[in-house]
Amino acid sequence: SCQDLQPEQDKKQDRQTMDFFKSLWVIDICNTDWDLPSSPEIIEKMAANIREVHIKKGRIWCHSFAWRQLHNLHKLRVIEPTSPWQTGEMDEFTDMVKLEFLDLAGDSTIQVLPSMSGATSLKILVLDGCVGLEHVGPEGLPPSLESFSLDARAREDHKKEAKITRISLAGCARLVNFRLCGSLPHLEDLDLSGTLVKTLDLKDQMVQARRLQKIILWGCMQLLSILSPENGMPKDTILRIDCSVCHVQAEFHQAYATIMDIRFLQTLVLESNVDFCWKSTRFHLKLCVPACSNKVEDQSNKKNTGIGSSAPQIMGPPRPKSLIPNAYITYMDVVADNITDDDGYNSASQFQPLGSHVEIGDGISFTRVVSTGAMKATIFVMNKAKSLHVHGNSSVSTVIPEHMMSIESNVLIWEHLESCHVVRCPKMHTYTLRSLETLHISFCGDLRKVFPVEPEILTRIATNHKGALEFPNLKRIYLHQLFKLQQICEAKMFAPKLETIRVRGCWRLRCLPVVGCDSRPVVDCEKDWWEKLEWDGLEAGHDPSLLEARHSAYYKKPLP
């Protein structure tokens, strides 16, 4: 009878349904709410085979269904779902070890991400339009993550304001692609420590985060560029970078930076070349390739500071190796103890970096700097510096190469430089720094003249009533072991404020600057060298009687 046929038809339908779900690998739903069969057996078969699920403006619903049942799922896209994401106990992705792609774009209702630590193969996470999120990571994110995207730009169907305050992907050691877009008015902390991100784009065209207070990039060894907003980071933003080409810590209106590749300098300077990307009143910039000992110290600093640490710590510049035995050169506002040495050189006043300081050390070369941006950034930094320390560099022959002295409307004039110290640069043969208070040069074996003067300027100086090139602020000159030095300046020098001259081992130097009539500078030097100096006479203001010579009684080593 027909009644006997009905159970057979139901069984046949169940078998067809079972066969359908057993062979199902991909589900793609758009503008549809699909109620799954309630049979546990069917759900089990589907969970064993499904590889991809794509849902847009719809949902898959069953009271006994959970995403964590899909153990073989590789790709999940739930875009603009028609019902809020129910995270339950926040373990939606437990045991989903094969999930590689997760896209939750357009879900403006989700406030907290479910834990994804169980999705140990997850590579791509897309959260575009998830403006209701309050924070992302670092807990609950798998270290396998390679790509992250959060686009908060307004959509046609909603214009909600993004609520997110913190994004931390610290520890995602495989993360290469990081993308932020749109207005993030409440974002305060951004931490990408330990990732492989190469570029961080924070340009105004990409992202607007006016409350951003902290950017942490510790251990980002592949980082090559930071694209800053047009007017720089927001005021009081803490910036910490540790990558293969630089170490930067900027906070509390102070900045310390060590750069191993001069080309990275343009990343720290705004495109307008009017300021650094951070807001600071003083900076310490060190350009060098650190030795192994410095790397150990860097690791110690990182350990003390802590990756991702929110504690307001300031990491000062590393103390450079001193030329003075059993002593160190002090930085910041600490005064060195009185130190003496056999040759008397070390009793000179020690070099003290000023508020804005640039240090050029071993391994740095300007030969690879060819881009306009890098040259402009270098000119900007050098023009901001109040003190300059060049040391231990066997490749540089001048502080800044001639081709980098000017480009377009940018000209290097050292407008704020007050103190310069050059030591152990054997190929140094010339440099042009004229607005100084302190000049300190030592162990530069090829240096013949400190300040070269172009022929047309020499002619102009000769017709001047003084017949000399004036250094109006120069107060101190320290010259040590410059065996080839013949002239401090190619033109006659006039230094009206000169107070101290200290010379050791400069046997070819024959002339000192003309000094002011109201001052009587002290000259500390070898007696033999003093007696061989050449003078223009008292009428020219260039006479030994205008100086106070002091000679050490023990400047020569005793004969055996």
Protein backbone atom coordinates (compact mmCIF):
# COMPACT_ATOMS: atom_id res chain seq x y z
CA SER A 1 0.00 0.00 0.00
CA CYS A 2 0.95 3.68 -0.21
CA GLN A 3 1.42 3.68 3.57
CA ASP A 4 4.04 0.95 3.29
CA LEU A 5 5.93 2.93 0.63
CA GLN A 6 6.39 6.06 2.83
CA PRO A 7 9.03 4.62 5.21
CA GLU A 8 10.94 3.28 2.22
CA GLN A 9 10.89 6.72 0.58
CA ASP A 10 12.07 8.35 3.83
CA LYS A 11 14.97 5.89 4.08
CA LYS A 12 15.87 6.53 0.47
CA GLN A 13 15.79 10.27 1.08
CA ASP A 14 18.01 9.88 4.14
CA ARG A 15 20.50 7.82 2.14
CA GLN A 16 20.60 10.49 -0.57
CA THR A 17 21.06 13.20 2.02
CA MET A 18 23.81 11.18 3.67
CA ASP A 19 25.56 10.58 0.35
CA PHE A 20 25.30 14.29 -0.43
CA PHE A 21 26.94 15.43 2.83
CA LYS A 22 29.47 12.62 2.63
CA SER A 23 30.74 13.96 -0.72
CA LEU A 24 30.44 17.65 0.20
CA TRP A 25 33.81 19.50 0.36
CA VAL A 26 32.86 23.17 -0.18
CA ILE A 27 29.86 25.14 1.10
CA ASP A 28 29.22 28.56 -0.48
CA ILE A 29 26.16 30.43 0.79
CA CYS A 30 25.07 33.95 -0.16
CA ASN A 31 21.99 35.79 1.13
CA THR A 32 20.69 32.58 2.64
CA ASP A 33 19.98 31.23 6.12
CA TRP A 34 20.50 27.47 5.83
CA ASP A 35 19.11 25.17 8.49
CA LEU A 36 21.27 22.07 8.61
CA PRO A 37 19.69 18.67 9.13
CA SER A 38 19.43 17.88 12.81
CA SER A 39 20.73 14.33 12.45
CA PRO A 40 23.95 13.90 14.45
CA GLU A 41 25.09 11.30 11.92
CA ILE A 42 24.76 13.77 9.04
CA ILE A 43 26.57 16.49 11.00
CA GLU A 44 29.35 14.03 11.77
CA LYS A 45 29.76 13.05 8.10
CA MET A 46 29.79 16.68 7.00
CA ALA A 47 32.34 17.62 9.65
CA ALA A 48 34.68 14.89 8.46
CA ASN A 49 34.74 16.06 4.83
CA ILE A 50 34.17 19.82 4.57
CA ARG A 51 37.30 21.71 3.46
CA GLU A 52 35.92 25.23 2.80
CA VAL A 53 32.96 27.28 4.01
CA HIS A 54 32.00 30.62 2.43
CA ILE A 55 29.08 32.55 3.88
CA LYS A 56 28.08 36.06 2.82
CA LYS A 57 25.05 37.77 4.29
CA GLY A 58 23.70 34.47 5.57
CA ARG A 59 24.28 31.77 8.14
CA ILE A 60 24.46 28.05 8.72
CA TRP A 61 22.38 27.06 11.73
CA CYS A 62 21.77 23.95 13.75
CA HIS A 63 21.35 23.77 17.52
CA SER A 64 23.95 21.00 17.77
CA PHE A 65 26.46 22.51 15.33
CA ALA A 66 29.76 24.26 16.27
CA TRP A 67 32.65 25.33 14.04
CA ARG A 68 35.12 23.33 16.13
CA GLN A 69 33.50 20.15 14.82
CA LEU A 70 34.98 20.82 11.35
CA HIS A 71 38.40 19.29 12.04
CA ASN A 72 39.38 19.18 8.36
CA LEU A 73 38.32 22.74 7.52
CA HIS A 74 41.05 24.74 5.72
CA LYS A 75 39.19 27.93 4.83
CA LEU A 76 36.38 29.77 6.62
CA ARG A 77 34.79 33.01 5.44
CA VAL A 78 31.88 34.47 7.37
CA ILE A 79 31.24 37.89 5.80
CA GLU A 80 28.49 40.19 7.07
CA PRO A 81 26.57 37.41 8.84
CA THR A 82 22.83 37.84 9.38
CA SER A 83 23.11 36.93 13.06
CA PRO A 84 25.71 37.95 15.68
CA TRP A 85 28.71 35.69 16.18
CA GLN A 86 28.06 33.48 19.16
CA THR A 87 31.42 32.63 20.67
CA GLY A 88 30.00 30.66 23.58
CA GLU A 89 32.93 29.63 25.73
CA MET A 90 35.41 31.35 23.38
CA ASP A 91 36.78 28.01 22.17
CA GLU A 92 35.20 28.01 18.71
CA PHE A 93 38.42 26.97 17.00
CA THR A 94 39.74 24.38 19.40
CA ASP A 95 41.27 21.40 17.55
CA MET A 96 40.83 23.07 14.13
CA VAL A 97 44.47 22.31 13.42
CA LYS A 98 44.06 22.42 9.62
CA LEU A 99 42.41 25.87 9.40
CA GLU A 100 44.63 28.18 7.34
CA PHE A 101 42.34 31.06 6.32
CA LEU A 102 39.80 32.92 8.49
CA ASP A 103 37.82 35.90 7.17
CA LEU A 104 35.30 37.58 9.48
CA ALA A 105 34.94 40.75 7.39
CA GLY A 106 31.94 42.96 7.91
CA ASP A 107 30.92 41.59 11.30
CA SER A 108 30.40 44.85 13.19
CA THR A 109 28.80 43.12 16.15
CA ILE A 110 31.71 40.95 17.28
CA GLN A 111 33.43 42.50 20.31
CA VAL A 112 35.95 39.86 21.36
CA LEU A 113 37.78 37.41 19.13
CA PRO A 114 37.38 33.76 20.06
CA SER A 115 40.61 32.04 21.01
CA MET A 116 42.50 30.79 17.96
CA SER A 117 45.44 29.24 19.74
CA GLY A 118 44.11 25.81 18.80
CA ALA A 119 44.16 26.68 15.09
CA THR A 120 47.86 25.95 14.88
CA SER A 121 48.00 26.18 11.07
CA LEU A 122 46.19 29.52 10.69
CA LYS A 123 48.08 31.76 8.25
CA ILE A 124 45.64 34.51 7.21
CA LEU A 125 43.30 36.50 9.47
CA VAL A 126 40.98 39.12 7.95
CA LEU A 127 39.00 41.40 10.27
CA ASP A 128 37.97 44.12 7.81
CA GLY A 129 34.90 45.96 9.06
CA CYS A 130 34.99 44.37 12.51
CA VAL A 131 34.62 47.81 14.10
CA GLY A 132 33.05 46.45 17.28
CA LEU A 133 36.25 44.69 18.35
CA GLU A 134 37.75 46.11 21.53
CA HIS A 135 41.20 44.55 21.19
CA VAL A 136 43.19 41.98 19.22
CA GLY A 137 45.74 39.64 20.85
CA PRO A 138 48.26 38.81 21.91
CA GLU A 139 46.48 36.01 23.79
CA GLY A 140 44.64 33.53 21.65
CA LEU A 141 46.58 34.11 18.42
CA PRO A 142 48.62 31.27 16.93
CA PRO A 143 52.33 31.86 16.12
CA SER A 144 51.68 30.45 12.62
CA LEU A 145 49.91 33.65 11.52
CA GLU A 146 51.47 35.15 8.35
CA SER A 147 48.98 37.84 7.29
CA PHE A 148 46.68 40.20 9.22
CA SER A 149 44.23 42.80 7.94
CA LEU A 150 41.93 45.25 9.73
CA ASP A 151 40.14 47.76 7.51
CA ALA A 152 37.92 50.12 9.51
CA ARG A 153 36.82 52.31 6.62
CA ALA A 154 33.11 53.12 6.61
CA ARG A 155 30.85 50.94 4.45
CA GLU A 156 27.67 51.90 2.68
CA ASP A 157 25.43 49.92 5.01
CA HIS A 158 26.96 51.16 8.25
CA LYS A 159 29.21 53.96 9.44
CA LYS A 160 30.03 52.81 12.95
CA GLU A 161 33.14 54.11 14.71
CA ALA A 162 35.86 51.56 15.38
CA LYS A 163 36.16 50.78 19.10
CA ILE A 164 39.50 48.94 19.10
CA THR A 165 42.05 50.26 21.62
CA ARG A 166 44.88 47.72 21.37
CA ILE A 167 46.38 45.53 18.66
CA SER A 168 49.13 43.13 19.68
CA LEU A 169 50.51 40.47 17.37
CA ALA A 170 53.64 40.06 19.49
CA GLY A 171 55.06 36.59 19.16
CA CYS A 172 53.53 35.84 15.74
CA ALA A 173 56.96 34.92 14.47
CA ARG A 174 55.86 34.23 10.88
CA LEU A 175 53.80 37.40 10.36
CA VAL A 176 54.95 39.13 7.17
CA ASN A 177 51.93 41.13 5.99
CA PHE A 178 50.28 43.61 8.35
CA ARG A 179 47.61 46.00 7.12
CA LEU A 180 45.66 48.70 8.94
CA CYS A 181 43.19 50.98 7.17
CA GLY A 182 40.64 53.62 8.05
CA SER A 183 39.84 55.62 11.13
CA LEU A 184 40.87 54.09 14.45
CA PRO A 185 40.09 56.95 16.86
CA HIS A 186 40.50 54.87 20.03
CA LEU A 187 43.63 52.89 19.11
CA GLU A 188 46.34 53.49 21.72
CA ASP A 189 48.75 50.54 21.56
CA LEU A 190 50.28 48.75 18.57
CA ASP A 191 52.73 45.91 19.22
CA LEU A 192 54.29 43.86 16.41
CA SER A 193 57.25 42.57 18.41
CA GLY A 194 58.92 39.43 17.15
CA THR A 195 57.27 39.48 13.72
CA LEU A 196 58.74 39.50 10.20
CA VAL A 197 56.93 42.67 9.10
CA LYS A 198 59.04 44.66 6.61
CA THR A 199 56.93 47.81 6.28
CA LEU A 200 54.62 49.53 8.74
CA ASP A 201 52.37 51.94 6.85
CA LEU A 202 50.83 54.61 9.10
CA LYS A 203 50.41 57.28 6.45
CA ASP A 204 47.34 59.48 6.71
CA GLN A 205 45.97 58.01 3.48
CA MET A 206 46.00 54.54 5.05
CA VAL A 207 45.15 54.91 8.71
CA GLN A 208 44.09 57.68 11.10
CA ALA A 209 44.98 56.94 14.72
CA ARG A 210 45.21 60.28 16.50
CA ARG A 211 45.36 58.70 20.00
CA LEU A 212 48.15 56.24 19.27
CA GLN A 213 50.38 56.29 22.35
CA LYS A 214 52.70 53.35 21.91
CA ILE A 215 54.32 51.56 18.96
CA ILE A 216 56.45 48.56 19.90
CA LEU A 217 58.58 46.83 17.25
CA TRP A 218 61.08 44.87 19.32
CA GLY A 219 62.77 42.03 17.48
CA CYS A 220 61.31 42.91 14.05
CA MET A 221 64.52 41.86 12.31
CA GLN A 222 63.12 42.23 8.77
CA LEU A 223 61.80 45.77 9.27
CA LEU A 224 62.95 48.10 6.50
CA SER A 225 60.55 51.04 6.57
CA ILE A 226 58.06 52.94 8.70
CA LEU A 227 55.75 55.25 6.74
CA SER A 228 54.68 57.98 9.16
CA PRO A 229 51.73 60.38 9.11
CA GLU A 230 52.40 63.68 7.37
CA ASN A 231 52.81 65.54 10.67
CA GLY A 232 54.53 62.70 12.51
CA MET A 233 53.34 60.46 15.29
CA PRO A 234 50.81 61.83 17.78
CA LYS A 235 52.27 63.82 20.66
CA ASP A 236 53.75 61.72 23.49
CA THR A 237 53.76 58.54 21.38
CA ILE A 238 56.30 55.99 22.63
CA LEU A 239 58.26 54.43 19.78
CA ARG A 240 60.49 51.38 20.30
CA ILE A 241 62.21 49.65 17.38
CA ASP A 242 64.71 46.82 17.36
CA CYS A 243 65.52 45.40 13.93
CA SER A 244 68.56 44.37 11.91
CA VAL A 245 69.32 47.94 10.76
CA CYS A 246 68.34 50.07 13.75
CA HIS A 247 67.51 50.32 17.43
CA VAL A 248 65.23 53.23 18.39
CA GLN A 249 63.63 54.30 21.62
CA ALA A 250 61.71 57.57 21.65
CA GLU A 251 59.67 58.66 24.66
CA PHE A 252 59.32 61.51 27.13
CA HIS A 253 60.48 64.00 24.44
CA GLN A 254 63.84 62.23 24.14
CA ALA A 255 65.03 59.84 21.44
CA TYR A 256 67.95 57.42 21.23
CA ALA A 257 68.70 55.70 17.94
CA THR A 258 71.45 53.43 16.64
CA ILE A 259 71.37 52.93 12.87
CA MET A 260 73.51 50.37 11.07
CA ASP A 261 72.44 51.37 7.54
CA ILE A 262 72.37 55.10 6.82
CA ARG A 263 69.58 54.58 4.25
CA PHE A 264 67.16 53.71 7.07
CA LEU A 265 67.52 57.27 8.35
CA GLN A 266 64.85 58.52 5.94
CA THR A 267 62.32 56.26 7.68
CA LEU A 268 62.77 58.26 10.90
CA VAL A 269 62.38 61.66 9.22
CA LEU A 270 59.13 63.05 7.81
CA GLU A 271 58.89 63.37 4.03
CA SER A 272 58.69 67.14 4.47
CA ASN A 273 62.12 67.02 6.17
CA VAL A 274 60.98 69.41 8.89
CA ASP A 275 61.07 67.01 11.83
CA PHE A 276 61.56 63.46 13.03
CA CYS A 277 58.59 61.09 12.92
CA TRP A 278 58.52 61.33 16.72
CA LYS A 279 58.10 64.42 18.88
CA SER A 280 61.29 65.11 20.87
CA THR A 281 63.26 68.10 22.06
CA ARG A 282 66.57 66.22 22.14
CA PHE A 283 67.96 63.17 20.40
CA HIS A 284 71.02 60.94 20.38
CA LEU A 285 71.68 59.34 17.00
CA LYS A 286 74.47 56.79 16.58
CA LEU A 287 75.44 55.61 13.10
CA CYS A 288 77.56 52.49 13.33
CA VAL A 289 77.76 48.74 12.88
CA PRO A 290 77.99 47.55 16.50
CA ALA A 291 80.55 45.01 17.58
CA CYS A 292 79.63 41.75 19.28
CA SER A 293 79.99 43.40 22.66
CA ASN A 294 77.39 45.95 21.77
CA LYS A 295 75.01 43.20 20.65
CA VAL A 296 75.34 41.61 24.07
CA GLU A 297 74.53 44.94 25.66
CA ASP A 298 71.54 45.36 23.35
CA GLN A 299 70.21 41.96 24.40
CA SER A 300 70.61 43.01 28.01
CA ASN A 301 68.70 46.20 27.36
CA LYS A 302 65.90 44.27 25.66
CA LYS A 303 65.77 41.83 28.55
CA ASN A 304 65.50 44.67 31.04
CA THR A 305 62.91 46.53 29.01
CA GLY A 306 60.92 43.48 28.00
CA ILE A 307 59.30 42.84 24.64
CA GLY A 308 55.86 44.32 24.67
CA SER A 309 56.40 45.81 28.10
CA SER A 310 54.15 48.72 28.91
CA ALA A 311 56.39 50.05 31.66
CA PRO A 312 57.60 53.59 30.90
CA GLN A 313 61.31 52.84 30.72
CA ILE A 314 63.90 54.87 28.82
CA MET A 315 66.86 53.09 27.31
CA GLY A 316 69.87 55.39 27.16
CA PRO A 317 72.58 55.27 24.52
CA PRO A 318 75.31 52.65 24.91
CA ARG A 319 78.49 53.94 26.47
CA PRO A 320 81.20 54.13 23.80
CA LYS A 321 84.62 52.64 24.31
CA SER A 322 86.82 55.34 25.81
CA LEU A 323 90.20 56.45 24.60
CA ILE A 324 91.10 56.90 28.22
CA PRO A 325 92.35 53.80 30.07
CA ASN A 326 90.20 52.71 33.01
CA ALA A 327 87.61 55.37 32.27
CA TYR A 328 84.57 56.03 30.16
CA ILE A 329 83.16 58.89 28.18
CA THR A 330 80.05 60.10 29.91
CA TYR A 331 76.80 60.85 28.15
CA MET A 332 73.90 63.03 29.18
CA ASP A 333 74.56 65.20 32.24
CA VAL A 334 77.24 63.27 34.13
CA VAL A 335 80.69 64.78 34.62
CA ALA A 336 83.77 62.57 34.29
CA ASP A 337 86.29 62.30 37.09
CA ASN A 338 89.71 63.86 36.72
CA ILE A 339 91.82 61.48 34.63
CA THR A 340 95.42 61.80 33.54
CA ASP A 341 97.74 59.85 31.28
CA ASP A 342 101.46 59.85 30.57
CA ASP A 343 101.29 62.05 27.48
CA GLY A 344 99.05 64.61 29.15
CA TYR A 345 96.46 64.39 26.41
CA ASN A 346 93.76 62.93 28.59
CA SER A 347 93.73 65.83 30.99
CA ALA A 348 91.90 67.81 28.31
CA SER A 349 88.23 68.49 28.84
CA GLN A 350 86.21 65.44 27.95
CA PHE A 351 83.77 65.45 25.08
CA GLN A 352 80.23 65.94 26.34
CA PRO A 353 77.38 65.31 23.86
CA LEU A 354 74.84 68.11 23.83
CA GLY A 355 71.06 67.95 23.60
CA SER A 356 70.88 66.88 19.96
CA HIS A 357 73.82 64.61 19.23
CA VAL A 358 75.04 62.60 16.22
CA GLU A 359 77.68 59.90 16.46
CA ILE A 360 79.31 58.24 13.43
CA GLY A 361 81.21 55.06 14.22
CA ASP A 362 82.76 51.99 12.66
CA GLY A 363 81.26 50.36 9.57
CA ILE A 364 79.17 53.30 8.38
CA SER A 365 79.67 54.34 4.76
CA PHE A 366 77.85 56.98 2.76
CA THR A 367 78.76 55.48 -0.62
CA ARG A 368 75.45 53.58 -0.93
CA VAL A 369 73.33 56.66 -0.16
CA VAL A 370 72.00 57.63 -3.58
CA SER A 371 68.28 58.27 -3.08
CA THR A 372 67.01 61.81 -2.76
CA GLY A 373 65.03 60.93 0.39
CA ALA A 374 68.05 59.51 2.20
CA MET A 375 70.20 62.53 1.33
CA LYS A 376 67.54 65.00 2.47
CA ALA A 377 67.10 63.10 5.73
CA THR A 378 70.86 63.13 6.35
CA ILE A 379 71.04 66.89 5.74
CA PHE A 380 68.10 67.47 8.10
CA VAL A 381 69.65 65.43 10.92
CA MET A 382 73.10 67.01 10.59
CA ASN A 383 71.63 70.51 10.54
CA LYS A 384 69.75 69.70 13.78
CA ALA A 385 72.81 68.33 15.59
CA LYS A 386 74.43 70.39 18.34
CA SER A 387 77.30 67.97 18.84
CA LEU A 388 79.06 65.53 16.52
CA HIS A 389 81.31 62.59 17.39
CA VAL A 390 83.09 60.72 14.57
CA HIS A 391 85.27 57.84 15.74
CA GLY A 392 86.85 54.55 14.79
CA ASN A 393 85.82 54.68 11.13
CA SER A 394 88.46 53.52 8.67
CA SER A 395 86.45 54.25 5.51
CA VAL A 396 85.22 57.86 5.73
CA SER A 397 87.50 60.55 4.30
CA THR A 398 85.18 63.43 5.16
CA VAL A 399 82.30 63.74 7.62
CA ILE A 400 79.71 64.10 4.86
CA PRO A 401 80.64 63.48 1.19
CA GLU A 402 80.51 66.42 -1.19
CA HIS A 403 77.63 64.93 -3.22
CA MET A 404 75.45 64.92 -0.09
CA MET A 405 76.09 68.50 1.01
CA SER A 406 73.16 69.86 -0.97
CA ILE A 407 70.21 68.49 -2.93
CA GLU A 408 67.39 70.56 -4.37
CA SER A 409 66.64 73.26 -1.75
CA ASN A 410 68.26 71.34 1.11
CA VAL A 411 71.77 72.52 2.06
CA LEU A 412 73.99 71.22 4.84
CA ILE A 413 75.23 74.23 6.83
CA TRP A 414 75.60 72.71 10.33
CA GLU A 415 73.50 75.58 11.64
CA HIS A 416 73.25 74.31 15.24
CA LEU A 417 76.58 72.53 15.63
CA GLU A 418 78.54 73.63 18.68
CA SER A 419 80.91 70.74 19.40
CA CYS A 420 82.78 68.30 17.17
CA HIS A 421 85.01 65.38 18.18
CA VAL A 422 86.80 63.26 15.56
CA VAL A 423 89.03 60.38 16.65
CA ARG A 424 90.71 57.38 14.98
CA CYS A 425 89.55 58.02 11.42
CA PRO A 426 92.81 57.32 9.54
CA LYS A 427 91.49 58.23 6.07
CA MET A 428 89.91 61.50 7.15
CA HIS A 429 91.49 64.27 5.09
CA THR A 430 89.00 67.10 5.30
CA TYR A 431 85.66 68.22 6.67
CA THR A 432 83.72 71.47 6.67
CA LEU A 433 82.35 72.60 10.04
CA ARG A 434 82.60 76.32 10.64
CA SER A 435 80.05 77.26 13.31
CA LEU A 436 81.70 75.47 16.23
CA GLU A 437 82.43 76.06 19.88
CA THR A 438 84.61 72.96 20.36
CA LEU A 439 86.83 71.20 17.82
CA HIS A 440 88.36 67.92 18.97
CA ILE A 441 90.28 65.68 16.53
CA SER A 442 92.63 62.80 17.29
CA PHE A 443 94.29 59.85 15.54
CA CYS A 444 93.29 60.82 11.99
CA GLY A 445 96.55 60.02 10.23
CA ASP A 446 95.65 61.36 6.74
CA LEU A 447 94.18 64.69 7.84
CA ARG A 448 96.07 67.59 6.25
CA LYS A 449 93.62 70.45 6.70
CA VAL A 450 90.50 70.66 8.81
CA PHE A 451 88.64 73.40 6.94
CA PRO A 452 89.28 73.57 3.19
CA VAL A 453 88.26 76.83 1.51
CA GLU A 454 87.17 77.20 -2.10
CA PRO A 455 89.39 79.47 -4.30
CA GLU A 456 86.73 82.14 -4.84
CA ILE A 457 86.19 82.38 -1.08
CA LEU A 458 89.94 82.64 -0.50
CA THR A 459 89.99 85.61 -2.90
CA ARG A 460 87.09 87.23 -1.09
CA ILE A 461 88.80 86.73 2.29
CA ALA A 462 92.03 88.29 1.01
CA THR A 463 90.19 91.51 0.15
CA ASN A 464 88.48 91.65 3.53
CA HIS A 465 89.86 94.19 6.03
CA LYS A 466 90.74 91.39 8.46
CA GLY A 467 92.09 89.10 5.78
CA ALA A 468 90.86 86.09 7.79
CA LEU A 469 87.95 83.68 7.96
CA GLU A 470 86.09 84.29 11.21
CA PHE A 471 84.96 81.50 13.52
CA PRO A 472 82.86 83.64 15.87
CA ASN A 473 81.94 80.92 18.39
CA LEU A 474 85.06 78.75 18.51
CA LYS A 475 86.31 78.45 22.11
CA ARG A 476 88.25 75.18 22.34
CA ILE A 477 90.61 73.33 19.98
CA TYR A 478 92.01 69.88 20.82
CA LEU A 479 94.36 68.25 18.27
CA HIS A 480 96.07 64.95 19.04
CA GLN A 481 98.36 62.72 16.97
CA LEU A 482 97.55 64.26 13.57
CA PHE A 483 100.89 63.52 11.95
CA LYS A 484 100.09 65.00 8.51
CA LEU A 485 98.11 68.04 9.65
CA GLN A 486 99.51 71.21 8.04
CA GLN A 487 96.67 73.70 8.47
CA ILE A 488 93.62 73.97 10.66
CA CYS A 489 92.08 76.20 8.00
CA GLU A 490 93.20 76.83 4.44
CA ALA A 491 92.58 80.53 5.03
CA LYS A 492 93.87 82.50 7.99
CA MET A 493 91.60 81.88 10.98
CA PHE A 494 90.19 84.53 13.30
CA ALA A 495 88.69 83.13 16.53
CA PRO A 496 87.81 86.06 18.83
CA LYS A 497 86.37 83.85 21.61
CA LEU A 498 89.12 81.22 21.67
CA GLU A 499 89.94 80.10 25.23
CA THR A 500 91.93 76.85 25.00
CA ILE A 501 94.24 75.18 22.48
CA ARG A 502 95.62 71.74 23.23
CA VAL A 503 98.03 70.09 20.77
CA ARG A 504 99.97 66.82 20.88
CA GLY A 505 101.82 65.07 18.04
CA CYS A 506 100.95 67.56 15.26
CA TRP A 507 104.53 68.25 14.20
CA ARG A 508 103.74 69.60 10.71
CA LEU A 509 101.29 72.22 11.96
CA ARG A 510 102.98 75.63 11.86
CA CYS A 511 100.24 78.19 12.44
CA LEU A 512 97.57 78.93 15.06
CA PRO A 513 94.45 81.11 14.68
CA VAL A 514 94.43 84.86 15.20
CA VAL A 515 92.78 85.56 18.55
CA GLY A 516 90.81 88.45 20.01
CA CYS A 517 92.68 91.33 21.63
CA ASP A 518 90.70 90.94 24.86
CA SER A 519 91.45 87.25 25.34
CA ARG A 520 94.65 85.37 26.13
CA PRO A 521 93.99 81.72 25.28
CA VAL A 522 95.97 78.97 26.98
CA VAL A 523 98.03 76.79 24.62
CA ASP A 524 98.99 73.40 26.09
CA CYS A 525 101.57 71.79 23.80
CA GLU A 526 105.06 70.34 23.38
CA LYS A 527 107.80 72.93 23.89
CA ASP A 528 109.68 71.87 20.73
CA TRP A 529 106.58 72.35 18.60
CA TRP A 530 105.79 75.75 20.12
CA GLU A 531 109.23 77.05 19.28
CA LYS A 532 108.78 76.17 15.58
CA LEU A 533 105.46 77.99 15.07
CA GLU A 534 105.24 80.80 12.52
CA TRP A 535 103.77 84.22 13.36
CA ASP A 536 102.56 87.28 11.42
CA GLY A 537 103.44 89.77 14.12
CA LEU A 538 101.83 91.75 16.88
CA GLU A 539 100.31 94.30 14.50
CA ALA A 540 98.42 91.50 12.74
CA GLY A 541 97.18 90.21 16.09
CA HIS A 542 99.17 87.04 15.58
CA ASP A 543 101.98 86.89 18.09
CA PRO A 544 103.05 84.42 20.82
CA SER A 545 102.71 87.16 23.42
CA LEU A 546 98.93 87.09 22.89
CA LEU A 547 98.82 83.46 24.03
CA GLU A 548 99.75 81.72 27.29
CA ALA A 549 101.94 78.72 26.52
CA ARG A 550 102.08 75.78 28.90
CA HIS A 551 104.43 72.83 28.47
CA SER A 552 104.47 69.57 30.35
CA ALA A 553 107.84 68.78 31.89
CA TYR A 554 107.31 65.10 31.09
CA TYR A 555 105.82 65.16 27.61
CA LYS A 556 108.83 63.25 26.24
CA LYS A 557 109.51 59.68 27.24
CA PRO A 558 112.88 59.31 29.06
CA LEU A 559 115.75 57.75 27.16
CA PRO A 560 116.67 54.19 28.18
